[in-house]
PDB file of N, CA and C in Angstrom:
ATOM      1  N   MET A   1    -155.159  67.869   4.428  1.00  0.00           N
ATOM      2  CA  MET A   1    -154.981  66.687   5.036  1.00  0.00           C
ATOM      3  C   MET A   1    -155.617  65.394   3.976  1.00  0.00           C
ATOM      4  N   ASN A   2    -156.382  65.478   3.565  1.00  0.00           N
ATOM      5  CA  ASN A   2    -156.662  63.890   2.532  1.00  0.00           C
ATOM      6  C   ASN A   2    -156.105  64.731   0.840  1.00  0.00           C
ATOM      7  N   ALA A   3    -155.045  64.744   0.967  1.00  0.00           N
ATOM      8  CA  ALA A   3    -154.800  65.876  -0.531  1.00  0.00           C
ATOM      9  C   ALA A   3    -153.735  64.476  -0.842  1.00  0.00           C
ATOM     10  N   PRO A   4    -153.422  64.377  -2.504  1.00  0.00           N
ATOM     11  CA  PRO A   4    -153.345  63.113  -2.887  1.00  0.00           C
ATOM     12  C   PRO A   4    -151.714  63.213  -2.973  1.00  0.00           C
ATOM     13  N   GLN A   5    -151.462  61.666  -2.885  1.00  0.00           N
ATOM     14  CA  GLN A   5    -149.863  61.784  -2.650  1.00  0.00           C
ATOM     15  C   GLN A   5    -149.194  61.668  -3.533  1.00  0.00           C
ATOM     16  N   THR A   6    -147.617  62.901  -3.711  1.00  0.00           N
ATOM     17  CA  THR A   6    -147.047  62.842  -4.499  1.00  0.00           C
ATOM     18  C   THR A   6    -145.955  61.686  -4.336  1.00  0.00           C
ATOM     19  N   GLY A   7    -145.486  61.714  -5.413  1.00  0.00           N
ATOM     20  CA  GLY A   7    -144.005  60.864  -5.717  1.00  0.00           C
ATOM     21  C   GLY A   7    -144.334  59.689  -6.100  1.00  0.00           C
ATOM     22  N   VAL A   8    -143.761  58.598  -5.993  1.00  0.00           N
ATOM     23  CA  VAL A   8    -143.895  57.208  -6.596  1.00  0.00           C
ATOM     24  C   VAL A   8    -143.361  56.430  -5.685  1.00  0.00           C
ATOM     25  N   MET A   9    -144.569  55.546  -5.032  1.00  0.00           N
ATOM     26  CA  MET A   9    -144.651  54.708  -4.051  1.00  0.00           C
ATOM     27  C   MET A   9    -143.577  53.406  -4.492  1.00  0.00           C
ATOM     28  N   ASN A  10    -142.957  52.666  -3.573  1.00  0.00           N
ATOM     29  CA  ASN A  10    -142.248  51.775  -3.846  1.00  0.00           C
ATOM     30  C   ASN A  10    -143.399  50.487  -4.114  1.00  0.00           C
ATOM     31  N   PRO A  11    -143.009  49.840  -5.769  1.00  0.00           N
ATOM     32  CA  PRO A  11    -144.282  49.198  -6.221  1.00  0.00           C
ATOM     33  C   PRO A  11    -143.874  47.899  -5.288  1.00  0.00           C
ATOM     34  N   ALA A  12    -143.089  47.354  -4.359  1.00  0.00           N
ATOM     35  CA  ALA A  12    -143.086  45.934  -3.862  1.00  0.00           C
ATOM     36  C   ALA A  12    -143.569  46.425  -2.632  1.00  0.00           C
ATOM     37  N   LEU A  13    -144.139  47.461  -2.180  1.00  0.00           N
ATOM     38  CA  LEU A  13    -144.846  47.996  -1.056  1.00  0.00           C
ATOM     39  C   LEU A  13    -146.295  47.510  -1.291  1.00  0.00           C
ATOM     40  N   GLN A  14    -146.765  47.600  -2.769  1.00  0.00           N
ATOM     41  CA  GLN A  14    -148.641  48.234  -2.951  1.00  0.00           C
ATOM     42  C   GLN A  14    -148.568  46.485  -2.601  1.00  0.00           C
ATOM     43  N   ALA A  15    -149.832  45.974  -2.279  1.00  0.00           N
ATOM     44  CA  ALA A  15    -150.807  44.947  -2.319  1.00  0.00           C
ATOM     45  C   ALA A  15    -151.690  44.976  -3.596  1.00  0.00           C
ATOM     46  N   GLN A  16    -152.396  45.829  -3.997  1.00  0.00           N
ATOM     47  CA  GLN A  16    -153.762  45.455  -4.602  1.00  0.00           C
ATOM     48  C   GLN A  16    -152.560  45.187  -6.371  1.00  0.00           C
ATOM     49  N   GLY A  17    -153.419  44.146  -6.445  1.00  0.00           N
ATOM     50  CA  GLY A  17    -152.993  43.460  -7.809  1.00  0.00           C
ATOM     51  C   GLY A  17    -151.813  42.244  -7.545  1.00  0.00           C
ATOM     52  N   GLN A  18    -150.960  41.769  -6.238  1.00  0.00           N
ATOM     53  CA  GLN A  18    -150.274  40.797  -6.217  1.00  0.00           C
ATOM     54  C   GLN A  18    -150.921  40.244  -4.824  1.00  0.00           C
ATOM     55  N   SER A  19    -150.859  38.731  -5.859  1.00  0.00           N
ATOM     56  CA  SER A  19    -151.465  37.371  -4.476  1.00  0.00           C
ATOM     57  C   SER A  19    -150.385  37.898  -3.249  1.00  0.00           C
ATOM     58  N   GLN A  20    -151.356  37.018  -2.369  1.00  0.00           N
ATOM     59  CA  GLN A  20    -150.555  37.240  -1.031  1.00  0.00           C
ATOM     60  C   GLN A  20    -151.618  35.525  -0.968  1.00  0.00           C
ATOM     61  N   ALA A  21    -150.602  35.167  -0.176  1.00  0.00           N
ATOM     62  CA  ALA A  21    -150.742  33.714   0.722  1.00  0.00           C
ATOM     63  C   ALA A  21    -151.093  33.736   1.959  1.00  0.00           C
ATOM     64  N   HIS A  22    -152.245  33.736   2.351  1.00  0.00           N
ATOM     65  CA  HIS A  22    -153.140  33.078   3.396  1.00  0.00           C
ATOM     66  C   HIS A  22    -152.227  32.483   4.560  1.00  0.00           C
ATOM     67  N   GLU A  23    -152.246  32.861   6.277  1.00  0.00           N
ATOM     68  CA  GLU A  23    -151.415  32.440   6.889  1.00  0.00           C
ATOM     69  C   GLU A  23    -151.430  30.902   6.696  1.00  0.00           C
ATOM     70  N   SER A  24    -152.934  30.435   7.173  1.00  0.00           N
ATOM     71  CA  SER A  24    -153.276  28.839   6.735  1.00  0.00           C
ATOM     72  C   SER A  24    -152.892  28.106   5.751  1.00  0.00           C
ATOM     73  N   ALA A  25    -153.084  28.910   4.432  1.00  0.00           N
ATOM     74  CA  ALA A  25    -153.196  28.168   2.883  1.00  0.00           C
ATOM     75  C   ALA A  25    -152.084  27.059   2.833  1.00  0.00           C
ATOM     76  N   TRP A  26    -150.860  26.758   3.054  1.00  0.00           N
ATOM     77  CA  TRP A  26    -150.460  25.615   3.092  1.00  0.00           C
ATOM     78  C   TRP A  26    -150.957  24.986   3.389  1.00  0.00           C
ATOM     79  N   ALA A  27    -151.028  24.835   4.996  1.00  0.00           N
ATOM     80  CA  ALA A  27    -151.049  23.496   5.630  1.00  0.00           C
ATOM     81  C   ALA A  27    -152.788  23.204   5.228  1.00  0.00           C
ATOM     82  N   GLN A  28    -153.458  24.146   4.540  1.00  0.00           N
ATOM     83  CA  GLN A  28    -154.969  23.796   4.272  1.00  0.00           C
ATOM     84  C   GLN A  28    -154.716  22.944   3.046  1.00  0.00           C
ATOM     85  N   VAL A  29    -153.949  23.376   1.938  1.00  0.00           N
ATOM     86  CA  VAL A  29    -153.298  22.590   0.843  1.00  0.00           C
ATOM     87  C   VAL A  29    -152.614  21.247   0.902  1.00  0.00           C
ATOM     88  N   SER A  30    -152.134  21.109   1.790  1.00  0.00           N
ATOM     89  CA  SER A  30    -151.143  19.922   1.682  1.00  0.00           C
ATOM     90  C   SER A  30    -152.386  18.866   2.495  1.00  0.00           C
ATOM     91  N   GLY A  31    -153.046  19.080   3.367  1.00  0.00           N
ATOM     92  CA  GLY A  31    -154.036  18.543   3.865  1.00  0.00           C
ATOM     93  C   GLY A  31    -153.356  17.791   5.355  1.00  0.00           C
ATOM     94  N   LYS A  32    -152.827  19.483   5.798  1.00  0.00           N
ATOM     95  CA  LYS A  32    -152.003  19.144   7.326  1.00  0.00           C
ATOM     96  C   LYS A  32    -153.195  20.052   8.232  1.00  0.00           C
ATOM     97  N   ALA A  33    -153.903  20.994   7.841  1.00  0.00           N
ATOM     98  CA  ALA A  33    -154.460  21.485   8.491  1.00  0.00           C
ATOM     99  C   ALA A  33    -155.471  20.938   9.542  1.00  0.00           C
ATOM    100  N   GLN A  34    -155.589  21.169  11.103  1.00  0.00           N
ATOM    101  CA  GLN A  34    -156.379  20.377  11.690  1.00  0.00           C
ATOM    102  C   GLN A  34    -157.681  21.364  12.054  1.00  0.00           C
ATOM    103  N   TYR A  35    -158.601  20.372  12.191  1.00  0.00           N
ATOM    104  CA  TYR A  35    -160.092  20.989  11.816  1.00  0.00           C
ATOM    105  C   TYR A  35    -160.474  21.124  13.112  1.00  0.00           C
ATOM    106  N   VAL A  36    -161.587  21.252  13.547  1.00  0.00           N
ATOM    107  CA  VAL A  36    -162.595  21.057  14.869  1.00  0.00           C
ATOM    108  C   VAL A  36    -162.744  19.306  14.763  1.00  0.00           C
ATOM    109  N   ASP A  37    -163.539  18.902  13.765  1.00  0.00           N
ATOM    110  CA  ASP A  37    -163.767  17.497  13.335  1.00  0.00           C
ATOM    111  C   ASP A  37    -162.350  16.572  13.206  1.00  0.00           C
ATOM    112  N   ASP A  38    -161.515  17.253  13.335  1.00  0.00           N
ATOM    113  CA  ASP A  38    -160.363  16.089  13.260  1.00  0.00           C
ATOM    114  C   ASP A  38    -160.199  16.123  14.735  1.00  0.00           C
ATOM    115  N   VAL A  39    -160.273  16.797  15.578  1.00  0.00           N
ATOM    116  CA  VAL A  39    -159.918  16.311  17.281  1.00  0.00           C
ATOM    117  C   VAL A  39    -160.460  14.891  17.586  1.00  0.00           C
ATOM    118  N   PRO A  40    -159.727  14.017  18.476  1.00  0.00           N
ATOM    119  CA  PRO A  40    -160.862  13.275  18.927  1.00  0.00           C
ATOM    120  C   PRO A  40    -161.668  13.590  19.967  1.00  0.00           C
ATOM    121  N   GLU A  41    -162.766  13.240  20.079  1.00  0.00           N
ATOM    122  CA  GLU A  41    -163.535  13.348  20.816  1.00  0.00           C
ATOM    123  C   GLU A  41    -163.309  12.033  22.200  1.00  0.00           C
ATOM    124  N   LEU A  42    -163.434  13.126  23.388  1.00  0.00           N
ATOM    125  CA  LEU A  42    -163.360  12.195  24.219  1.00  0.00           C
ATOM    126  C   LEU A  42    -164.018  11.606  24.908  1.00  0.00           C
ATOM    127  N   GLN A  43    -163.756   9.831  25.597  1.00  0.00           N
ATOM    128  CA  GLN A  43    -164.936   9.525  26.006  1.00  0.00           C
ATOM    129  C   GLN A  43    -165.799   9.918  26.983  1.00  0.00           C
ATOM    130  N   GLY A  44    -166.972   9.811  26.419  1.00  0.00           N
ATOM    131  CA  GLY A  44    -167.970  10.376  27.889  1.00  0.00           C
ATOM    132  C   GLY A  44    -168.649  11.285  27.416  1.00  0.00           C
ATOM    133  N   THR A  45    -167.566  12.298  25.900  1.00  0.00           N
ATOM    134  CA  THR A  45    -168.097  13.514  25.638  1.00  0.00           C
ATOM    135  C   THR A  45    -169.745  14.048  25.206  1.00  0.00           C
ATOM    136  N   LEU A  46    -170.196  14.433  25.557  1.00  0.00           N
ATOM    137  CA  LEU A  46    -171.834  15.164  25.791  1.00  0.00           C
ATOM    138  C   LEU A  46    -172.267  16.243  24.261  1.00  0.00           C
ATOM    139  N   TYR A  47    -173.066  16.310  24.256  1.00  0.00           N
ATOM    140  CA  TYR A  47    -173.777  17.079  22.986  1.00  0.00           C
ATOM    141  C   TYR A  47    -174.823  17.842  24.034  1.00  0.00           C
ATOM    142  N   ALA A  48    -175.026  19.303  22.982  1.00  0.00           N
ATOM    143  CA  ALA A  48    -176.453  19.812  23.260  1.00  0.00           C
ATOM    144  C   ALA A  48    -176.832  20.307  22.430  1.00  0.00           C
ATOM    145  N   ALA A  49    -178.184  20.440  22.118  1.00  0.00           N
ATOM    146  CA  ALA A  49    -179.211  20.884  21.044  1.00  0.00           C
ATOM    147  C   ALA A  49    -180.415  22.056  21.782  1.00  0.00           C
ATOM    148  N   VAL A  50    -180.146  22.974  21.047  1.00  0.00           N
ATOM    149  CA  VAL A  50    -181.099  24.032  21.599  1.00  0.00           C
ATOM    150  C   VAL A  50    -182.637  23.296  20.742  1.00  0.00           C
ATOM    151  N   VAL A  51    -183.651  23.580  21.874  1.00  0.00           N
ATOM    152  CA  VAL A  51    -184.879  23.363  21.582  1.00  0.00           C
ATOM    153  C   VAL A  51    -185.405  24.557  20.663  1.00  0.00           C
ATOM    154  N   LYS A  52    -186.163  24.709  20.140  1.00  0.00           N
ATOM    155  CA  LYS A  52    -186.943  26.312  19.784  1.00  0.00           C
ATOM    156  C   LYS A  52    -188.352  25.991  19.726  1.00  0.00           C
ATOM    157  N   SER A  53    -188.829  27.242  19.851  1.00  0.00           N
ATOM    158  CA  SER A  53    -190.027  27.818  19.513  1.00  0.00           C
ATOM    159  C   SER A  53    -190.234  27.642  17.844  1.00  0.00           C
ATOM    160  N   PRO A  54    -191.580  26.883  18.156  1.00  0.00           N
ATOM    161  CA  PRO A  54    -192.200  26.578  16.663  1.00  0.00           C
ATOM    162  C   PRO A  54    -193.122  27.967  16.614  1.00  0.00           C
ATOM    163  N   ILE A  55    -193.748  28.405  17.240  1.00  0.00           N
ATOM    164  CA  ILE A  55    -194.771  29.411  17.503  1.00  0.00           C
ATOM    165  C   ILE A  55    -193.825  30.822  17.637  1.00  0.00           C
ATOM    166  N   ALA A  56    -195.083  32.143  17.192  1.00  0.00           N
ATOM    167  CA  ALA A  56    -193.961  33.023  17.181  1.00  0.00           C
ATOM    168  C   ALA A  56    -194.326  33.616  18.156  1.00  0.00           C
ATOM    169  N   HIS A  57    -195.786  33.529  19.066  1.00  0.00           N
ATOM    170  CA  HIS A  57    -196.018  34.454  19.555  1.00  0.00           C
ATOM    171  C   HIS A  57    -197.099  33.667  20.706  1.00  0.00           C
ATOM    172  N   GLY A  58    -196.719  33.440  22.386  1.00  0.00           N
ATOM    173  CA  GLY A  58    -197.556  32.770  23.000  1.00  0.00           C
ATOM    174  C   GLY A  58    -197.229  32.479  24.406  1.00  0.00           C
ATOM    175  N   LYS A  59    -198.029  31.972  25.464  1.00  0.00           N
ATOM    176  CA  LYS A  59    -197.899  31.860  27.198  1.00  0.00           C
ATOM    177  C   LYS A  59    -197.057  30.199  27.270  1.00  0.00           C
ATOM    178  N   LEU A  60    -195.977  30.423  27.607  1.00  0.00           N
ATOM    179  CA  LEU A  60    -195.319  29.345  27.781  1.00  0.00           C
ATOM    180  C   LEU A  60    -195.680  28.818  29.251  1.00  0.00           C
ATOM    181  N   VAL A  61    -196.496  27.627  29.736  1.00  0.00           N
ATOM    182  CA  VAL A  61    -196.940  27.218  30.667  1.00  0.00           C
ATOM    183  C   VAL A  61    -196.105  26.487  31.329  1.00  0.00           C
ATOM    184  N   SER A  62    -195.779  25.704  31.006  1.00  0.00           N
ATOM    185  CA  SER A  62    -194.863  24.746  31.842  1.00  0.00           C
ATOM    186  C   SER A  62    -193.720  23.667  31.048  1.00  0.00           C
ATOM    187  N   ILE A  63    -192.599  23.548  31.034  1.00  0.00           N
ATOM    188  CA  ILE A  63    -191.510  22.537  30.545  1.00  0.00           C
ATOM    189  C   ILE A  63    -191.476  21.245  31.158  1.00  0.00           C
ATOM    190  N   ASP A  64    -192.150  20.203  30.599  1.00  0.00           N
ATOM    191  CA  ASP A  64    -192.429  19.125  31.130  1.00  0.00           C
ATOM    192  C   ASP A  64    -191.089  17.941  30.889  1.00  0.00           C
ATOM    193  N   ARG A  65    -190.071  17.708  31.726  1.00  0.00           N
ATOM    194  CA  ARG A  65    -188.655  17.117  31.110  1.00  0.00           C
ATOM    195  C   ARG A  65    -189.000  15.723  31.933  1.00  0.00           C
ATOM    196  N   THR A  66    -189.997  14.645  32.269  1.00  0.00           N
ATOM    197  CA  THR A  66    -190.186  13.712  32.740  1.00  0.00           C
ATOM    198  C   THR A  66    -189.574  12.564  31.556  1.00  0.00           C
ATOM    199  N   ALA A  67    -190.538  13.190  30.586  1.00  0.00           N
ATOM    200  CA  ALA A  67    -190.379  12.202  29.438  1.00  0.00           C
ATOM    201  C   ALA A  67    -188.930  12.089  28.856  1.00  0.00           C
ATOM    202  N   LEU A  68    -188.468  13.178  28.237  1.00  0.00           N
ATOM    203  CA  LEU A  68    -187.237  13.300  27.830  1.00  0.00           C
ATOM    204  C   LEU A  68    -185.885  12.856  28.711  1.00  0.00           C
ATOM    205  N   LEU A  69    -185.948  12.910  29.827  1.00  0.00           N
ATOM    206  CA  LEU A  69    -184.849  12.485  30.286  1.00  0.00           C
ATOM    207  C   LEU A  69    -185.001  10.647  30.669  1.00  0.00           C
ATOM    208  N   GLN A  70    -185.886  10.241  30.366  1.00  0.00           N
ATOM    209  CA  GLN A  70    -186.700   8.914  30.124  1.00  0.00           C
ATOM    210  C   GLN A  70    -186.401   8.124  28.641  1.00  0.00           C
ATOM    211  N   GLU A  71    -185.761   8.772  28.078  1.00  0.00           N
ATOM    212  CA  GLU A  71    -184.849   8.820  26.541  1.00  0.00           C
ATOM    213  C   GLU A  71    -183.838   7.819  27.132  1.00  0.00           C
ATOM    214  N   PRO A  72    -183.219   7.408  26.440  1.00  0.00           N
ATOM    215  CA  PRO A  72    -182.047   6.714  25.928  1.00  0.00           C
ATOM    216  C   PRO A  72    -181.035   7.682  25.924  1.00  0.00           C
ATOM    217  N   GLY A  73    -179.966   7.478  26.188  1.00  0.00           N
ATOM    218  CA  GLY A  73    -178.900   8.937  25.691  1.00  0.00           C
ATOM    219  C   GLY A  73    -178.770  10.055  26.532  1.00  0.00           C
ATOM    220  N   VAL A  74    -179.873  10.816  26.854  1.00  0.00           N
ATOM    221  CA  VAL A  74    -180.584  12.242  27.531  1.00  0.00           C
ATOM    222  C   VAL A  74    -180.015  12.275  28.494  1.00  0.00           C
ATOM    223  N   HIS A  75    -179.393  13.231  28.640  1.00  0.00           N
ATOM    224  CA  HIS A  75    -178.501  13.067  30.248  1.00  0.00           C
ATOM    225  C   HIS A  75    -179.175  14.431  31.382  1.00  0.00           C
ATOM    226  N   ALA A  76    -179.637  15.330  30.681  1.00  0.00           N
ATOM    227  CA  ALA A  76    -180.608  16.506  30.843  1.00  0.00           C
ATOM    228  C   ALA A  76    -181.058  17.555  30.355  1.00  0.00           C
ATOM    229  N   VAL A  77    -182.416  18.211  30.603  1.00  0.00           N
ATOM    230  CA  VAL A  77    -182.657  18.993  29.692  1.00  0.00           C
ATOM    231  C   VAL A  77    -182.795  20.359  30.978  1.00  0.00           C
ATOM    232  N   LEU A  78    -182.051  21.537  29.952  1.00  0.00           N
ATOM    233  CA  LEU A  78    -182.284  22.677  30.940  1.00  0.00           C
ATOM    234  C   LEU A  78    -182.947  23.571  30.540  1.00  0.00           C
ATOM    235  N   THR A  79    -183.423  24.620  31.379  1.00  0.00           N
ATOM    236  CA  THR A  79    -184.598  26.045  31.042  1.00  0.00           C
ATOM    237  C   THR A  79    -184.002  26.996  31.810  1.00  0.00           C
ATOM    238  N   HIS A  80    -184.449  27.949  31.759  1.00  0.00           N
ATOM    239  CA  HIS A  80    -184.314  29.402  32.293  1.00  0.00           C
ATOM    240  C   HIS A  80    -183.708  29.003  33.566  1.00  0.00           C
ATOM    241  N   GLU A  81    -184.395  28.214  34.008  1.00  0.00           N
ATOM    242  CA  GLU A  81    -184.071  27.882  35.825  1.00  0.00           C
ATOM    243  C   GLU A  81    -182.991  27.775  36.178  1.00  0.00           C
ATOM    244  N   ASP A  82    -182.825  27.178  35.071  1.00  0.00           N
ATOM    245  CA  ASP A  82    -181.447  26.713  35.190  1.00  0.00           C
ATOM    246  C   ASP A  82    -180.077  27.209  34.961  1.00  0.00           C
ATOM    247  N   ILE A  83    -180.309  28.760  34.843  1.00  0.00           N
ATOM    248  CA  ILE A  83    -178.969  29.491  34.707  1.00  0.00           C
ATOM    249  C   ILE A  83    -178.775  30.310  35.947  1.00  0.00           C
ATOM    250  N   PRO A  84    -177.272  30.370  36.483  1.00  0.00           N
ATOM    251  CA  PRO A  84    -177.279  31.231  37.097  1.00  0.00           C
ATOM    252  C   PRO A  84    -176.680  32.390  36.628  1.00  0.00           C
ATOM    253  N   GLY A  85    -177.148  33.024  37.946  1.00  0.00           N
ATOM    254  CA  GLY A  85    -176.979  34.655  37.506  1.00  0.00           C
ATOM    255  C   GLY A  85    -177.917  35.336  36.974  1.00  0.00           C
ATOM    256  N   SER A  86    -177.680  36.424  35.701  1.00  0.00           N
ATOM    257  CA  SER A  86    -178.551  36.746  34.986  1.00  0.00           C
ATOM    258  C   SER A  86    -178.761  35.592  33.639  1.00  0.00           C
ATOM    259  N   ARG A  87    -180.274  36.568  33.359  1.00  0.00           N
ATOM    260  CA  ARG A  87    -180.990  34.993  32.663  1.00  0.00           C
ATOM    261  C   ARG A  87    -181.171  36.026  31.428  1.00  0.00           C
ATOM    262  N   ILE A  88    -180.315  36.892  31.349  1.00  0.00           N
ATOM    263  CA  ILE A  88    -180.561  37.616  29.610  1.00  0.00           C
ATOM    264  C   ILE A  88    -179.502  37.970  29.612  1.00  0.00           C
ATOM    265  N   LEU A  89    -179.659  37.571  27.571  1.00  0.00           N
ATOM    266  CA  LEU A  89    -178.372  37.808  26.981  1.00  0.00           C
ATOM    267  C   LEU A  89    -177.380  39.229  27.177  1.00  0.00           C
ATOM    268  N   ALA A  90    -176.345  39.773  27.197  1.00  0.00           N
ATOM    269  CA  ALA A  90    -176.145  40.961  27.006  1.00  0.00           C
ATOM    270  C   ALA A  90    -175.824  41.653  25.717  1.00  0.00           C
ATOM    271  N   THR A  91    -176.719  42.280  25.515  1.00  0.00           N
ATOM    272  CA  THR A  91    -177.323  42.606  23.950  1.00  0.00           C
ATOM    273  C   THR A  91    -177.469  43.797  24.905  1.00  0.00           C
ATOM    274  N   PHE A  92    -177.359  45.074  23.585  1.00  0.00           N
ATOM    275  CA  PHE A  92    -177.057  46.425  23.656  1.00  0.00           C
ATOM    276  C   PHE A  92    -178.534  47.060  24.567  1.00  0.00           C
ATOM    277  N   THR A  93    -179.605  46.253  24.437  1.00  0.00           N
ATOM    278  CA  THR A  93    -180.928  46.764  24.757  1.00  0.00           C
ATOM    279  C   THR A  93    -181.250  46.431  26.459  1.00  0.00           C
ATOM    280  N   HIS A  94    -180.707  44.669  26.513  1.00  0.00           N
ATOM    281  CA  HIS A  94    -180.532  44.134  27.660  1.00  0.00           C
ATOM    282  C   HIS A  94    -181.824  43.372  28.029  1.00  0.00           C
ATOM    283  N   ASP A  95    -182.440  42.576  26.532  1.00  0.00           N
ATOM    284  CA  ASP A  95    -183.938  42.466  26.933  1.00  0.00           C
ATOM    285  C   ASP A  95    -183.946  40.792  26.244  1.00  0.00           C
ATOM    286  N   GLU A  96    -183.254  40.557  26.263  1.00  0.00           N
ATOM    287  CA  GLU A  96    -183.087  39.147  25.528  1.00  0.00           C
ATOM    288  C   GLU A  96    -182.701  37.812  25.851  1.00  0.00           C
ATOM    289  N   PRO A  97    -183.868  37.602  26.805  1.00  0.00           N
ATOM    290  CA  PRO A  97    -184.163  35.878  27.606  1.00  0.00           C
ATOM    291  C   PRO A  97    -182.563  34.657  26.813  1.00  0.00           C
ATOM    292  N   ILE A  98    -182.064  34.457  27.744  1.00  0.00           N
ATOM    293  CA  ILE A  98    -180.756  33.527  27.046  1.00  0.00           C
ATOM    294  C   ILE A  98    -182.271  32.125  26.880  1.00  0.00           C
ATOM    295  N   LEU A  99    -182.392  31.731  27.554  1.00  0.00           N
ATOM    296  CA  LEU A  99    -184.000  30.546  27.702  1.00  0.00           C
ATOM    297  C   LEU A  99    -185.005  31.445  27.812  1.00  0.00           C
ATOM    298  N   ALA A 100    -185.835  31.108  26.599  1.00  0.00           N
ATOM    299  CA  ALA A 100    -187.678  31.664  26.823  1.00  0.00           C
ATOM    300  C   ALA A 100    -188.311  31.155  28.495  1.00  0.00           C
ATOM    301  N   HIS A 101    -188.406  32.461  29.236  1.00  0.00           N
ATOM    302  CA  HIS A 101    -189.758  31.808  29.974  1.00  0.00           C
ATOM    303  C   HIS A 101    -190.917  32.599  30.515  1.00  0.00           C
ATOM    304  N   ASP A 102    -191.873  31.828  30.820  1.00  0.00           N
ATOM    305  CA  ASP A 102    -193.398  32.556  30.598  1.00  0.00           C
ATOM    306  C   ASP A 102    -193.818  32.899  29.306  1.00  0.00           C
ATOM    307  N   ARG A 103    -193.378  33.681  28.460  1.00  0.00           N
ATOM    308  CA  ARG A 103    -193.810  33.489  27.138  1.00  0.00           C
ATOM    309  C   ARG A 103    -193.072  33.582  26.287  1.00  0.00           C
ATOM    310  N   VAL A 104    -193.248  32.600  24.769  1.00  0.00           N
ATOM    311  CA  VAL A 104    -192.232  33.031  24.119  1.00  0.00           C
ATOM    312  C   VAL A 104    -192.191  34.295  22.637  1.00  0.00           C
ATOM    313  N   GLU A 105    -191.700  34.819  21.960  1.00  0.00           N
ATOM    314  CA  GLU A 105    -191.604  35.865  21.547  1.00  0.00           C
ATOM    315  C   GLU A 105    -191.552  36.216  20.049  1.00  0.00           C
ATOM    316  N   HIS A 106    -190.971  34.915  19.382  1.00  0.00           N
ATOM    317  CA  HIS A 106    -190.464  35.002  17.922  1.00  0.00           C
ATOM    318  C   HIS A 106    -190.634  33.086  17.715  1.00  0.00           C
ATOM    319  N   VAL A 107    -190.318  32.457  16.662  1.00  0.00           N
ATOM    320  CA  VAL A 107    -190.531  31.311  15.864  1.00  0.00           C
ATOM    321  C   VAL A 107    -189.289  31.544  16.049  1.00  0.00           C
ATOM    322  N   GLY A 108    -188.287  29.901  16.528  1.00  0.00           N
ATOM    323  CA  GLY A 108    -187.336  29.984  17.090  1.00  0.00           C
ATOM    324  C   GLY A 108    -186.520  30.749  18.271  1.00  0.00           C
ATOM    325  N   GLN A 109    -187.171  30.525  18.937  1.00  0.00           N
ATOM    326  CA  GLN A 109    -186.488  31.681  19.916  1.00  0.00           C
ATOM    327  C   GLN A 109    -186.113  30.010  21.131  1.00  0.00           C
ATOM    328  N   ALA A 110    -184.927  30.456  22.121  1.00  0.00           N
ATOM    329  CA  ALA A 110    -184.314  28.934  22.522  1.00  0.00           C
ATOM    330  C   ALA A 110    -185.374  28.591  23.539  1.00  0.00           C
ATOM    331  N   ILE A 111    -185.829  27.981  24.119  1.00  0.00           N
ATOM    332  CA  ILE A 111    -186.922  27.768  25.024  1.00  0.00           C
ATOM    333  C   ILE A 111    -186.319  26.947  26.202  1.00  0.00           C
ATOM    334  N   ALA A 112    -185.484  25.339  25.514  1.00  0.00           N
ATOM    335  CA  ALA A 112    -184.106  24.814  26.447  1.00  0.00           C
ATOM    336  C   ALA A 112    -183.234  24.163  25.879  1.00  0.00           C
ATOM    337  N   ILE A 113    -182.615  23.588  26.452  1.00  0.00           N
ATOM    338  CA  ILE A 113    -181.303  22.799  26.130  1.00  0.00           C
ATOM    339  C   ILE A 113    -181.176  21.523  26.355  1.00  0.00           C
ATOM    340  N   VAL A 114    -181.407  20.629  25.975  1.00  0.00           N
ATOM    341  CA  VAL A 114    -181.128  19.363  26.035  1.00  0.00           C
ATOM    342  C   VAL A 114    -179.617  18.643  25.552  1.00  0.00           C
ATOM    343  N   VAL A 115    -179.301  18.061  26.324  1.00  0.00           N
ATOM    344  CA  VAL A 115    -177.892  17.323  26.463  1.00  0.00           C
ATOM    345  C   VAL A 115    -178.092  15.637  26.754  1.00  0.00           C
ATOM    346  N   ALA A 116    -177.113  15.480  25.608  1.00  0.00           N
ATOM    347  CA  ALA A 116    -177.344  13.696  25.224  1.00  0.00           C
ATOM    348  C   ALA A 116    -175.721  12.930  24.852  1.00  0.00           C
ATOM    349  N   SER A 117    -175.785  12.494  24.622  1.00  0.00           N
ATOM    350  CA  SER A 117    -174.763  10.982  24.617  1.00  0.00           C
ATOM    351  C   SER A 117    -174.613  11.648  22.906  1.00  0.00           C
ATOM    352  N   SER A 118    -175.528  11.881  22.082  1.00  0.00           N
ATOM    353  CA  SER A 118    -174.952  11.694  20.678  1.00  0.00           C
ATOM    354  C   SER A 118    -175.426  13.501  20.133  1.00  0.00           C
ATOM    355  N   VAL A 119    -175.016  14.092  19.181  1.00  0.00           N
ATOM    356  CA  VAL A 119    -175.762  14.694  18.405  1.00  0.00           C
ATOM    357  C   VAL A 119    -177.044  14.838  17.653  1.00  0.00           C
ATOM    358  N   ASN A 120    -176.933  13.415  17.500  1.00  0.00           N
ATOM    359  CA  ASN A 120    -178.415  12.932  17.345  1.00  0.00           C
ATOM    360  C   ASN A 120    -178.795  12.816  17.698  1.00  0.00           C
ATOM    361  N   ARG A 121    -179.120  12.201  19.151  1.00  0.00           N
ATOM    362  CA  ARG A 121    -179.948  12.058  20.182  1.00  0.00           C
ATOM    363  C   ARG A 121    -180.405  13.446  21.007  1.00  0.00           C
ATOM    364  N   ALA A 122    -179.072  14.074  20.885  1.00  0.00           N
ATOM    365  CA  ALA A 122    -179.938  15.457  21.474  1.00  0.00           C
ATOM    366  C   ALA A 122    -180.766  16.345  20.908  1.00  0.00           C
ATOM    367  N   ARG A 123    -180.309  15.931  18.921  1.00  0.00           N
ATOM    368  CA  ARG A 123    -181.075  17.279  18.316  1.00  0.00           C
ATOM    369  C   ARG A 123    -182.899  16.162  17.917  1.00  0.00           C
ATOM    370  N   HIS A 124    -182.901  14.915  18.621  1.00  0.00           N
ATOM    371  CA  HIS A 124    -183.953  13.914  18.657  1.00  0.00           C
ATOM    372  C   HIS A 124    -184.959  14.682  20.032  1.00  0.00           C
TER     373      HIS A 124
END
């Protein structure tokens, strides 16, 4: 089954020790490759930023969207209540909420999503 191969392999078929050009290499080195940042944005594009928990464990009492929605350029603040259908990520244990509700369980857990007219406004 795992017996050593006998005979001589065709050297042209051996990849080891041979330079292989990546499929997009020519476009990249010539400056013709198009990246996400090269695609023109459509007028009215909105951006989203995740609000993450600064604490490791705690009770999530409420999220007051009022002040955020009054900020210039902020269009929406989404919480677990805004997710249609299952609010749990499809991990193998099916126990990770997409956005926290009732409690936070680790630093950096997603609590809400801010949608705004610019990346900086959404992050701010």
